[in-house]
Amino acid sequence: VPYMLVIGEKEAESGQVAVRRRDKGDMGAVAVDEFIQTVLADIADK
């Protein structure tokens, strides 16, 4: 699986997830909706 999500207290309060990607490393915190759109685009583009 190319993604690892970290959801701590800070992320839960702000509606974000901290994203780490296998090939790009730490990508920082992003909004949940933004992450979902990124994954859907990756799936569509394969």
All heavy atoms as atom14 arrays in JSON, in Angstrom:
{
  "sequence": "VPYMLVIGEKEAESGQVAVRRRDKGDMGAVAVDEFIQTVLADIADK",
  "atom14_mask": [
    [1, 1, 1, 1, 1, 1, 1, 0, 0, 0, 0, 0, 0, 0],
    [1, 1, 1, 1, 1, 1, 1, 0, 0, 0, 0, 0, 0, 0],
    [1, 1, 1, 1, 1, 1, 1, 1, 1, 1, 1, 1, 0, 0],
    [1, 1, 1, 1, 1, 1, 1, 1, 0, 0, 0, 0, 0, 0],
    [1, 1, 1, 1, 1, 1, 1, 1, 0, 0, 0, 0, 0, 0],
    [1, 1, 1, 1, 1, 1, 1, 0, 0, 0, 0, 0, 0, 0],
    [1, 1, 1, 1, 1, 1, 1, 1, 0, 0, 0, 0, 0, 0],
    [1, 1, 1, 1, 0, 0, 0, 0, 0, 0, 0, 0, 0, 0],
    [1, 1, 1, 1, 1, 1, 1, 1, 1, 0, 0, 0, 0, 0],
    [1, 1, 1, 1, 1, 1, 1, 1, 1, 0, 0, 0, 0, 0],
    [1, 1, 1, 1, 1, 1, 1, 1, 1, 0, 0, 0, 0, 0],
    [1, 1, 1, 1, 1, 0, 0, 0, 0, 0, 0, 0, 0, 0],
    [1, 1, 1, 1, 1, 1, 1, 1, 1, 0, 0, 0, 0, 0],
    [1, 1, 1, 1, 1, 1, 0, 0, 0, 0, 0, 0, 0, 0],
    [1, 1, 1, 1, 0, 0, 0, 0, 0, 0, 0, 0, 0, 0],
    [1, 1, 1, 1, 1, 1, 1, 1, 1, 0, 0, 0, 0, 0],
    [1, 1, 1, 1, 1, 1, 1, 0, 0, 0, 0, 0, 0, 0],
    [1, 1, 1, 1, 1, 0, 0, 0, 0, 0, 0, 0, 0, 0],
    [1, 1, 1, 1, 1, 1, 1, 0, 0, 0, 0, 0, 0, 0],
    [1, 1, 1, 1, 1, 1, 1, 1, 1, 1, 1, 0, 0, 0],
    [1, 1, 1, 1, 1, 1, 1, 1, 1, 1, 1, 0, 0, 0],
    [1, 1, 1, 1, 1, 1, 1, 1, 1, 1, 1, 0, 0, 0],
    [1, 1, 1, 1, 1, 1, 1, 1, 0, 0, 0, 0, 0, 0],
    [1, 1, 1, 1, 1, 1, 1, 1, 1, 0, 0, 0, 0, 0],
    [1, 1, 1, 1, 0, 0, 0, 0, 0, 0, 0, 0, 0, 0],
    [1, 1, 1, 1, 1, 1, 1, 1, 0, 0, 0, 0, 0, 0],
    [1, 1, 1, 1, 1, 1, 1, 1, 0, 0, 0, 0, 0, 0],
    [1, 1, 1, 1, 0, 0, 0, 0, 0, 0, 0, 0, 0, 0],
    [1, 1, 1, 1, 1, 0, 0, 0, 0, 0, 0, 0, 0, 0],
    [1, 1, 1, 1, 1, 1, 1, 0, 0, 0, 0, 0, 0, 0],
    [1, 1, 1, 1, 1, 0, 0, 0, 0, 0, 0, 0, 0, 0],
    [1, 1, 1, 1, 1, 1, 1, 0, 0, 0, 0, 0, 0, 0],
    [1, 1, 1, 1, 1, 1, 1, 1, 0, 0, 0, 0, 0, 0],
    [1, 1, 1, 1, 1, 1, 1, 1, 1, 0, 0, 0, 0, 0],
    [1, 1, 1, 1, 1, 1, 1, 1, 1, 1, 1, 0, 0, 0],
    [1, 1, 1, 1, 1, 1, 1, 1, 0, 0, 0, 0, 0, 0],
    [1, 1, 1, 1, 1, 1, 1, 1, 1, 0, 0, 0, 0, 0],
    [1, 1, 1, 1, 1, 1, 1, 0, 0, 0, 0, 0, 0, 0],
    [1, 1, 1, 1, 1, 1, 1, 0, 0, 0, 0, 0, 0, 0],
    [1, 1, 1, 1, 1, 1, 1, 1, 0, 0, 0, 0, 0, 0],
    [1, 1, 1, 1, 1, 0, 0, 0, 0, 0, 0, 0, 0, 0],
    [1, 1, 1, 1, 1, 1, 1, 1, 0, 0, 0, 0, 0, 0],
    [1, 1, 1, 1, 1, 1, 1, 1, 0, 0, 0, 0, 0, 0],
    [1, 1, 1, 1, 1, 0, 0, 0, 0, 0, 0, 0, 0, 0],
    [1, 1, 1, 1, 1, 1, 1, 1, 0, 0, 0, 0, 0, 0],
    [1, 1, 1, 1, 1, 1, 1, 1, 1, 0, 0, 0, 0, 0]
  ],
  "atom14_positions": [
    [[0.87, -1.17, 0.0], [0.0, 0.0, 0.0], [0.91, 1.23, 0.0], [1.79, 1.34, 0.85], [-0.92, 0.0, 1.24], [-1.74, 1.28, 1.3], [-1.81, -1.23, 1.22], [0.0, 0.0, 0.0], [0.0, 0.0, 0.0], [0.0, 0.0, 0.0], [0.0, 0.0, 0.0], [0.0, 0.0, 0.0], [0.0, 0.0, 0.0], [0.0, 0.0, 0.0]],
    [[0.72, 2.17, -0.94], [1.65, 3.28, -1.07], [1.48, 4.4, -0.05], [2.31, 5.29, 0.01], [1.38, 3.8, -2.47], [-0.04, 3.44, -2.73], [-0.26, 2.14, -2.01], [0.0, 0.0, 0.0], [0.0, 0.0, 0.0], [0.0, 0.0, 0.0], [0.0, 0.0, 0.0], [0.0, 0.0, 0.0], [0.0, 0.0, 0.0], [0.0, 0.0, 0.0]],
    [[0.43, 4.37, 0.75], [0.17, 5.46, 1.68], [0.13, 4.96, 3.12], [-0.35, 3.86, 3.38], [-1.18, 6.12, 1.4], [-1.25, 6.84, 0.1], [-1.86, 6.26, -1.0], [-0.7, 8.12, -0.05], [-1.94, 6.93, -2.2], [-0.77, 8.78, -1.25], [-1.39, 8.18, -2.33], [-1.45, 8.84, -3.52], [0.0, 0.0, 0.0], [0.0, 0.0, 0.0]],
    [[0.6, 5.81, 4.03], [0.39, 5.58, 5.45], [-0.18, 6.87, 6.01], [0.35, 7.96, 5.74], [1.7, 5.26, 6.16], [1.5, 5.04, 7.65], [2.94, 4.42, 8.54], [4.08, 5.76, 8.38], [0.0, 0.0, 0.0], [0.0, 0.0, 0.0], [0.0, 0.0, 0.0], [0.0, 0.0, 0.0], [0.0, 0.0, 0.0], [0.0, 0.0, 0.0]],
    [[-1.29, 6.78, 6.73], [-1.94, 7.95, 7.32], [-1.76, 7.93, 8.82], [-1.89, 6.89, 9.45], [-3.43, 7.96, 6.99], [-3.8, 7.92, 5.52], [-5.31, 7.92, 5.36], [-3.19, 9.08, 4.77], [0.0, 0.0, 0.0], [0.0, 0.0, 0.0], [0.0, 0.0, 0.0], [0.0, 0.0, 0.0], [0.0, 0.0, 0.0], [0.0, 0.0, 0.0]],
    [[-1.45, 9.09, 9.36], [-1.32, 9.24, 10.81], [-2.37, 10.25, 11.25], [-2.43, 11.36, 10.72], [0.09, 9.74, 11.2], [0.19, 9.93, 12.7], [1.15, 8.77, 10.7], [0.0, 0.0, 0.0], [0.0, 0.0, 0.0], [0.0, 0.0, 0.0], [0.0, 0.0, 0.0], [0.0, 0.0, 0.0], [0.0, 0.0, 0.0], [0.0, 0.0, 0.0]],
    [[-3.2, 9.83, 12.19], [-4.25, 10.71, 12.69], [-4.11, 10.78, 14.2], [-4.51, 9.87, 14.92], [-5.66, 10.19, 12.31], [-5.74, 9.99, 10.81], [-6.73, 11.16, 12.8], [-6.97, 9.27, 10.34], [0.0, 0.0, 0.0], [0.0, 0.0, 0.0], [0.0, 0.0, 0.0], [0.0, 0.0, 0.0], [0.0, 0.0, 0.0], [0.0, 0.0, 0.0]],
    [[-3.51, 11.86, 14.65], [-3.37, 12.1, 16.08], [-4.42, 13.08, 16.56], [-5.34, 13.46, 15.81], [0.0, 0.0, 0.0], [0.0, 0.0, 0.0], [0.0, 0.0, 0.0], [0.0, 0.0, 0.0], [0.0, 0.0, 0.0], [0.0, 0.0, 0.0], [0.0, 0.0, 0.0], [0.0, 0.0, 0.0], [0.0, 0.0, 0.0], [0.0, 0.0, 0.0]],
    [[-4.27, 13.53, 17.76], [-5.24, 14.47, 18.34], [-5.29, 15.77, 17.53], [-6.37, 16.29, 17.25], [-4.85, 14.76, 19.79], [-5.89, 15.57, 20.53], [-5.53, 15.73, 22.01], [-5.09, 14.73, 22.61], [-5.71, 16.84, 22.51], [0.0, 0.0, 0.0], [0.0, 0.0, 0.0], [0.0, 0.0, 0.0], [0.0, 0.0, 0.0], [0.0, 0.0, 0.0]],
    [[-4.13, 16.28, 17.14], [-4.07, 17.54, 16.39], [-4.77, 17.41, 15.03], [-5.54, 18.28, 14.63], [-2.6, 17.94, 16.18], [-2.4, 19.27, 15.49], [-0.93, 19.66, 15.5], [-0.28, 19.19, 14.22], [1.1, 19.66, 14.07], [0.0, 0.0, 0.0], [0.0, 0.0, 0.0], [0.0, 0.0, 0.0], [0.0, 0.0, 0.0], [0.0, 0.0, 0.0]],
    [[-4.52, 16.3, 14.34], [-5.15, 16.08, 13.03], [-6.66, 15.88, 13.18], [-7.43, 16.41, 12.37], [-4.53, 14.86, 12.33], [-3.12, 15.08, 11.85], [-2.07, 14.83, 12.93], [-2.42, 14.32, 14.01], [-0.91, 15.17, 12.69], [0.0, 0.0, 0.0], [0.0, 0.0, 0.0], [0.0, 0.0, 0.0], [0.0, 0.0, 0.0], [0.0, 0.0, 0.0]],
    [[-7.07, 15.16, 14.2], [-8.5, 14.91, 14.42], [-9.24, 16.22, 14.67], [-10.34, 16.42, 14.15], [-8.7, 13.94, 15.58], [0.0, 0.0, 0.0], [0.0, 0.0, 0.0], [0.0, 0.0, 0.0], [0.0, 0.0, 0.0], [0.0, 0.0, 0.0], [0.0, 0.0, 0.0], [0.0, 0.0, 0.0], [0.0, 0.0, 0.0], [0.0, 0.0, 0.0]],
    [[-8.65, 17.11, 15.44], [-9.29, 18.4, 15.73], [-9.4, 19.28, 14.49], [-10.35, 20.04, 14.35], [-8.51, 19.13, 16.82], [-8.64, 18.52, 18.19], [-7.77, 19.2, 19.23], [-7.05, 20.16, 18.88], [-7.8, 18.74, 20.39], [0.0, 0.0, 0.0], [0.0, 0.0, 0.0], [0.0, 0.0, 0.0], [0.0, 0.0, 0.0], [0.0, 0.0, 0.0]],
    [[-8.41, 19.18, 13.59], [-8.4, 20.06, 12.42], [-8.99, 19.41, 11.17], [-9.05, 20.04, 10.11], [-6.97, 20.51, 12.13], [-6.16, 19.4, 11.77], [0.0, 0.0, 0.0], [0.0, 0.0, 0.0], [0.0, 0.0, 0.0], [0.0, 0.0, 0.0], [0.0, 0.0, 0.0], [0.0, 0.0, 0.0], [0.0, 0.0, 0.0], [0.0, 0.0, 0.0]],
    [[-9.42, 18.15, 11.26], [-10.01, 17.48, 10.1], [-8.99, 17.13, 9.04], [-9.3, 17.13, 7.86], [0.0, 0.0, 0.0], [0.0, 0.0, 0.0], [0.0, 0.0, 0.0], [0.0, 0.0, 0.0], [0.0, 0.0, 0.0], [0.0, 0.0, 0.0], [0.0, 0.0, 0.0], [0.0, 0.0, 0.0], [0.0, 0.0, 0.0], [0.0, 0.0, 0.0]],
    [[-7.77, 16.85, 9.47], [-6.69, 16.54, 8.54], [-6.1, 15.17, 8.83], [-6.38, 14.57, 9.86], [-5.58, 17.59, 8.63], [-6.02, 18.97, 8.21], [-4.85, 19.94, 8.25], [-3.99, 19.86, 9.11], [-4.84, 20.86, 7.31], [0.0, 0.0, 0.0], [0.0, 0.0, 0.0], [0.0, 0.0, 0.0], [0.0, 0.0, 0.0], [0.0, 0.0, 0.0]],
    [[-5.28, 14.7, 7.9], [-4.49, 13.49, 8.1], [-3.06, 13.79, 7.71], [-2.82, 14.55, 6.77], [-5.02, 12.3, 7.25], [-6.37, 11.84, 7.74], [-5.08, 12.64, 5.78], [0.0, 0.0, 0.0], [0.0, 0.0, 0.0], [0.0, 0.0, 0.0], [0.0, 0.0, 0.0], [0.0, 0.0, 0.0], [0.0, 0.0, 0.0], [0.0, 0.0, 0.0]],
    [[-2.11, 13.24, 8.44], [-0.7, 13.35, 8.07], [-0.4, 12.21, 7.12], [-0.67, 11.05, 7.43], [0.19, 13.29, 9.3], [0.0, 0.0, 0.0], [0.0, 0.0, 0.0], [0.0, 0.0, 0.0], [0.0, 0.0, 0.0], [0.0, 0.0, 0.0], [0.0, 0.0, 0.0], [0.0, 0.0, 0.0], [0.0, 0.0, 0.0], [0.0, 0.0, 0.0]],
    [[0.13, 12.52, 5.95], [0.3, 11.54, 4.89], [1.79, 11.25, 4.68], [2.6, 12.17, 4.58], [-0.32, 12.03, 3.57], [-0.14, 11.0, 2.47], [-1.79, 12.38, 3.75], [0.0, 0.0, 0.0], [0.0, 0.0, 0.0], [0.0, 0.0, 0.0], [0.0, 0.0, 0.0], [0.0, 0.0, 0.0], [0.0, 0.0, 0.0], [0.0, 0.0, 0.0]],
    [[2.09, 9.97, 4.6], [3.43, 9.52, 4.18], [3.23, 8.6, 3.0], [2.39, 7.71, 3.03], [4.13, 8.79, 5.32], [4.43, 9.68, 6.47], [5.15, 8.94, 7.57], [5.27, 9.82, 8.73], [5.23, 9.43, 9.98], [5.09, 8.15, 10.25], [5.34, 10.28, 10.96], [0.0, 0.0, 0.0], [0.0, 0.0, 0.0], [0.0, 0.0, 0.0]],
    [[3.99, 8.84, 1.96], [3.88, 8.02, 0.76], [5.17, 7.23, 0.57], [6.26, 7.78, 0.77], [3.61, 8.92, -0.44], [3.23, 8.15, -1.66], [2.62, 9.03, -2.69], [2.82, 8.42, -3.99], [2.39, 8.9, -5.1], [1.71, 10.04, -5.11], [2.61, 8.3, -6.23], [0.0, 0.0, 0.0], [0.0, 0.0, 0.0], [0.0, 0.0, 0.0]],
    [[5.04, 5.99, 0.21], [6.18, 5.08, 0.11], [7.29, 5.66, -0.76], [8.46, 5.58, -0.41], [5.73, 3.73, -0.45], [6.81, 2.69, -0.48], [6.31, 1.35, -0.98], [5.8, 1.5, -2.34], [4.68, 0.95, -2.8], [3.95, 0.21, -2.02], [4.28, 1.13, -4.03], [0.0, 0.0, 0.0], [0.0, 0.0, 0.0], [0.0, 0.0, 0.0]],
    [[6.96, 6.26, -1.89], [7.99, 6.75, -2.8], [8.38, 8.21, -2.59], [9.41, 8.65, -3.08], [7.56, 6.53, -4.25], [6.26, 7.23, -4.59], [5.54, 7.67, -3.67], [5.94, 7.35, -5.79], [0.0, 0.0, 0.0], [0.0, 0.0, 0.0], [0.0, 0.0, 0.0], [0.0, 0.0, 0.0], [0.0, 0.0, 0.0], [0.0, 0.0, 0.0]],
    [[7.58, 8.99, -1.86], [7.85, 10.41, -1.68], [8.11, 10.82, -0.25], [8.44, 11.96, 0.02], [6.68, 11.24, -2.23], [6.51, 11.11, -3.73], [5.41, 12.0, -4.23], [5.26, 11.84, -5.74], [4.22, 12.7, -6.26], [0.0, 0.0, 0.0], [0.0, 0.0, 0.0], [0.0, 0.0, 0.0], [0.0, 0.0, 0.0], [0.0, 0.0, 0.0]],
    [[7.94, 9.91, 0.68], [8.18, 10.22, 2.09], [7.06, 11.03, 2.7], [5.91, 10.99, 2.26], [0.0, 0.0, 0.0], [0.0, 0.0, 0.0], [0.0, 0.0, 0.0], [0.0, 0.0, 0.0], [0.0, 0.0, 0.0], [0.0, 0.0, 0.0], [0.0, 0.0, 0.0], [0.0, 0.0, 0.0], [0.0, 0.0, 0.0], [0.0, 0.0, 0.0]],
    [[7.41, 11.83, 3.71], [6.43, 12.61, 4.46], [5.89, 13.73, 3.58], [6.64, 14.55, 3.07], [7.09, 13.19, 5.71], [6.1, 13.86, 6.64], [4.88, 13.78, 6.38], [6.55, 14.44, 7.64], [0.0, 0.0, 0.0], [0.0, 0.0, 0.0], [0.0, 0.0, 0.0], [0.0, 0.0, 0.0], [0.0, 0.0, 0.0], [0.0, 0.0, 0.0]],
    [[4.58, 13.76, 3.42], [3.93, 14.78, 2.59], [3.21, 15.82, 3.44], [2.56, 16.71, 2.91], [2.96, 14.11, 1.61], [3.66, 13.16, 0.66], [2.55, 12.3, -0.44], [1.9, 13.62, -1.41], [0.0, 0.0, 0.0], [0.0, 0.0, 0.0], [0.0, 0.0, 0.0], [0.0, 0.0, 0.0], [0.0, 0.0, 0.0], [0.0, 0.0, 0.0]],
    [[3.29, 15.69, 4.76], [2.67, 16.66, 5.65], [1.18, 16.4, 5.85], [0.64, 15.41, 5.38], [0.0, 0.0, 0.0], [0.0, 0.0, 0.0], [0.0, 0.0, 0.0], [0.0, 0.0, 0.0], [0.0, 0.0, 0.0], [0.0, 0.0, 0.0], [0.0, 0.0, 0.0], [0.0, 0.0, 0.0], [0.0, 0.0, 0.0], [0.0, 0.0, 0.0]],
    [[0.54, 17.34, 6.53], [-0.88, 17.21, 6.84], [-1.72, 17.82, 5.72], [-1.39, 18.89, 5.21], [-1.2, 17.89, 8.16], [0.0, 0.0, 0.0], [0.0, 0.0, 0.0], [0.0, 0.0, 0.0], [0.0, 0.0, 0.0], [0.0, 0.0, 0.0], [0.0, 0.0, 0.0], [0.0, 0.0, 0.0], [0.0, 0.0, 0.0], [0.0, 0.0, 0.0]],
    [[-2.77, 17.13, 5.34], [-3.7, 17.62, 4.32], [-5.12, 17.34, 4.79], [-5.36, 16.44, 5.61], [-3.48, 16.96, 2.94], [-2.12, 17.28, 2.39], [-3.67, 15.47, 3.0], [0.0, 0.0, 0.0], [0.0, 0.0, 0.0], [0.0, 0.0, 0.0], [0.0, 0.0, 0.0], [0.0, 0.0, 0.0], [0.0, 0.0, 0.0], [0.0, 0.0, 0.0]],
    [[-6.07, 18.08, 4.26], [-7.48, 17.85, 4.57], [-7.9, 16.48, 4.06], [-7.39, 15.99, 3.04], [-8.34, 18.93, 3.93], [0.0, 0.0, 0.0], [0.0, 0.0, 0.0], [0.0, 0.0, 0.0], [0.0, 0.0, 0.0], [0.0, 0.0, 0.0], [0.0, 0.0, 0.0], [0.0, 0.0, 0.0], [0.0, 0.0, 0.0], [0.0, 0.0, 0.0]],
    [[-8.81, 15.85, 4.77], [-9.28, 14.52, 4.4], [-9.83, 14.51, 2.98], [-9.51, 13.62, 2.18], [-10.34, 14.0, 5.41], [-10.92, 12.68, 4.95], [-9.74, 13.88, 6.8], [0.0, 0.0, 0.0], [0.0, 0.0, 0.0], [0.0, 0.0, 0.0], [0.0, 0.0, 0.0], [0.0, 0.0, 0.0], [0.0, 0.0, 0.0], [0.0, 0.0, 0.0]],
    [[-10.66, 15.48, 2.63], [-11.23, 15.55, 1.28], [-10.15, 15.67, 0.22], [-10.25, 15.07, -0.85], [-12.21, 16.72, 1.17], [-13.45, 16.52, 2.01], [-13.78, 15.37, 2.33], [-14.09, 17.53, 2.35], [0.0, 0.0, 0.0], [0.0, 0.0, 0.0], [0.0, 0.0, 0.0], [0.0, 0.0, 0.0], [0.0, 0.0, 0.0], [0.0, 0.0, 0.0]],
    [[-9.12, 16.45, 0.5], [-8.01, 16.62, -0.45], [-7.27, 15.29, -0.64], [-6.92, 14.92, -1.76], [-7.05, 17.68, 0.06], [-5.9, 17.97, -0.86], [-4.97, 19.04, -0.3], [-5.39, 19.83, 0.56], [-3.81, 19.06, -0.73], [0.0, 0.0, 0.0], [0.0, 0.0, 0.0], [0.0, 0.0, 0.0], [0.0, 0.0, 0.0], [0.0, 0.0, 0.0]],
    [[-7.05, 14.56, 0.45], [-6.39, 13.27, 0.34], [-7.22, 12.3, -0.48], [-6.68, 11.58, -1.34], [-6.11, 12.68, 1.73], [-5.54, 11.29, 1.65], [-4.25, 11.09, 1.22], [-6.32, 10.19, 1.97], [-3.73, 9.8, 1.12], [-5.8, 8.91, 1.88], [-4.51, 8.71, 1.45], [0.0, 0.0, 0.0], [0.0, 0.0, 0.0], [0.0, 0.0, 0.0]],
    [[-8.51, 12.27, -0.25], [-9.4, 11.38, -1.01], [-9.32, 11.7, -2.5], [-9.22, 10.79, -3.33], [-10.85, 11.47, -0.49], [-10.93, 10.86, 0.9], [-11.82, 10.77, -1.45], [-12.25, 11.12, 1.61], [0.0, 0.0, 0.0], [0.0, 0.0, 0.0], [0.0, 0.0, 0.0], [0.0, 0.0, 0.0], [0.0, 0.0, 0.0], [0.0, 0.0, 0.0]],
    [[-9.34, 12.97, -2.85], [-9.25, 13.36, -4.26], [-7.91, 12.94, -4.87], [-7.85, 12.5, -6.01], [-9.45, 14.87, -4.41], [-10.86, 15.32, -4.09], [-11.9, 14.61, -4.93], [-11.75, 14.44, -6.13], [-12.97, 14.16, -4.28], [0.0, 0.0, 0.0], [0.0, 0.0, 0.0], [0.0, 0.0, 0.0], [0.0, 0.0, 0.0], [0.0, 0.0, 0.0]],
    [[-6.84, 13.05, -4.09], [-5.51, 12.64, -4.56], [-5.49, 11.14, -4.86], [-4.99, 10.71, -5.9], [-4.43, 12.98, -3.51], [-4.44, 14.38, -3.28], [-3.06, 12.52, -3.95], [0.0, 0.0, 0.0], [0.0, 0.0, 0.0], [0.0, 0.0, 0.0], [0.0, 0.0, 0.0], [0.0, 0.0, 0.0], [0.0, 0.0, 0.0], [0.0, 0.0, 0.0]],
    [[-6.04, 10.34, -3.95], [-6.06, 8.89, -4.14], [-6.93, 8.52, -5.34], [-6.54, 7.68, -6.16], [-6.53, 8.16, -2.87], [-6.76, 6.69, -3.13], [-5.53, 8.37, -1.75], [0.0, 0.0, 0.0], [0.0, 0.0, 0.0], [0.0, 0.0, 0.0], [0.0, 0.0, 0.0], [0.0, 0.0, 0.0], [0.0, 0.0, 0.0], [0.0, 0.0, 0.0]],
    [[-8.08, 9.16, -5.48], [-8.94, 8.87, -6.62], [-8.26, 9.22, -7.93], [-8.37, 8.48, -8.92], [-10.27, 9.63, -6.48], [-11.2, 9.12, -5.37], [-12.41, 10.04, -5.24], [-11.61, 7.69, -5.6], [0.0, 0.0, 0.0], [0.0, 0.0, 0.0], [0.0, 0.0, 0.0], [0.0, 0.0, 0.0], [0.0, 0.0, 0.0], [0.0, 0.0, 0.0]],
    [[-7.52, 10.33, -7.97], [-6.78, 10.71, -9.17], [-5.67, 9.69, -9.46], [-5.46, 9.33, -10.62], [-6.2, 12.11, -9.01], [0.0, 0.0, 0.0], [0.0, 0.0, 0.0], [0.0, 0.0, 0.0], [0.0, 0.0, 0.0], [0.0, 0.0, 0.0], [0.0, 0.0, 0.0], [0.0, 0.0, 0.0], [0.0, 0.0, 0.0], [0.0, 0.0, 0.0]],
    [[-4.98, 9.24, -8.43], [-3.93, 8.23, -8.61], [-4.52, 6.93, -9.16], [-3.92, 6.29, -10.03], [-3.21, 7.93, -7.3], [-2.27, 9.04, -6.88], [-1.96, 9.92, -7.72], [-1.83, 9.01, -5.72], [0.0, 0.0, 0.0], [0.0, 0.0, 0.0], [0.0, 0.0, 0.0], [0.0, 0.0, 0.0], [0.0, 0.0, 0.0], [0.0, 0.0, 0.0]],
    [[-5.67, 6.55, -8.66], [-6.32, 5.33, -9.15], [-6.73, 5.49, -10.62], [-6.51, 4.6, -11.44], [-7.55, 4.97, -8.28], [-7.08, 4.54, -6.89], [-8.39, 3.88, -8.93], [-8.19, 4.42, -5.88], [0.0, 0.0, 0.0], [0.0, 0.0, 0.0], [0.0, 0.0, 0.0], [0.0, 0.0, 0.0], [0.0, 0.0, 0.0], [0.0, 0.0, 0.0]],
    [[-7.31, 6.65, -10.95], [-7.74, 6.89, -12.32], [-6.56, 6.91, -13.29], [-6.65, 6.4, -14.41], [-8.51, 8.2, -12.41], [0.0, 0.0, 0.0], [0.0, 0.0, 0.0], [0.0, 0.0, 0.0], [0.0, 0.0, 0.0], [0.0, 0.0, 0.0], [0.0, 0.0, 0.0], [0.0, 0.0, 0.0], [0.0, 0.0, 0.0], [0.0, 0.0, 0.0]],
    [[-5.44, 7.48, -12.83], [-4.24, 7.56, -13.67], [-3.4, 6.3, -13.59], [-2.45, 6.13, -14.35], [-3.36, 8.74, -13.24], [-4.04, 10.08, -13.47], [-4.99, 10.15, -14.26], [-3.59, 11.05, -12.84], [0.0, 0.0, 0.0], [0.0, 0.0, 0.0], [0.0, 0.0, 0.0], [0.0, 0.0, 0.0], [0.0, 0.0, 0.0], [0.0, 0.0, 0.0]],
    [[-3.73, 5.43, -12.63], [-2.98, 4.21, -12.37], [-1.5, 4.51, -12.15], [-0.63, 3.79, -12.6], [-3.18, 3.2, -13.48], [-4.59, 2.73, -13.61], [-4.75, 1.7, -14.67], [-6.23, 1.33, -14.74], [-6.51, 0.33, -15.74], [0.0, 0.0, 0.0], [0.0, 0.0, 0.0], [0.0, 0.0, 0.0], [0.0, 0.0, 0.0], [0.0, 0.0, 0.0]]
  ]
}
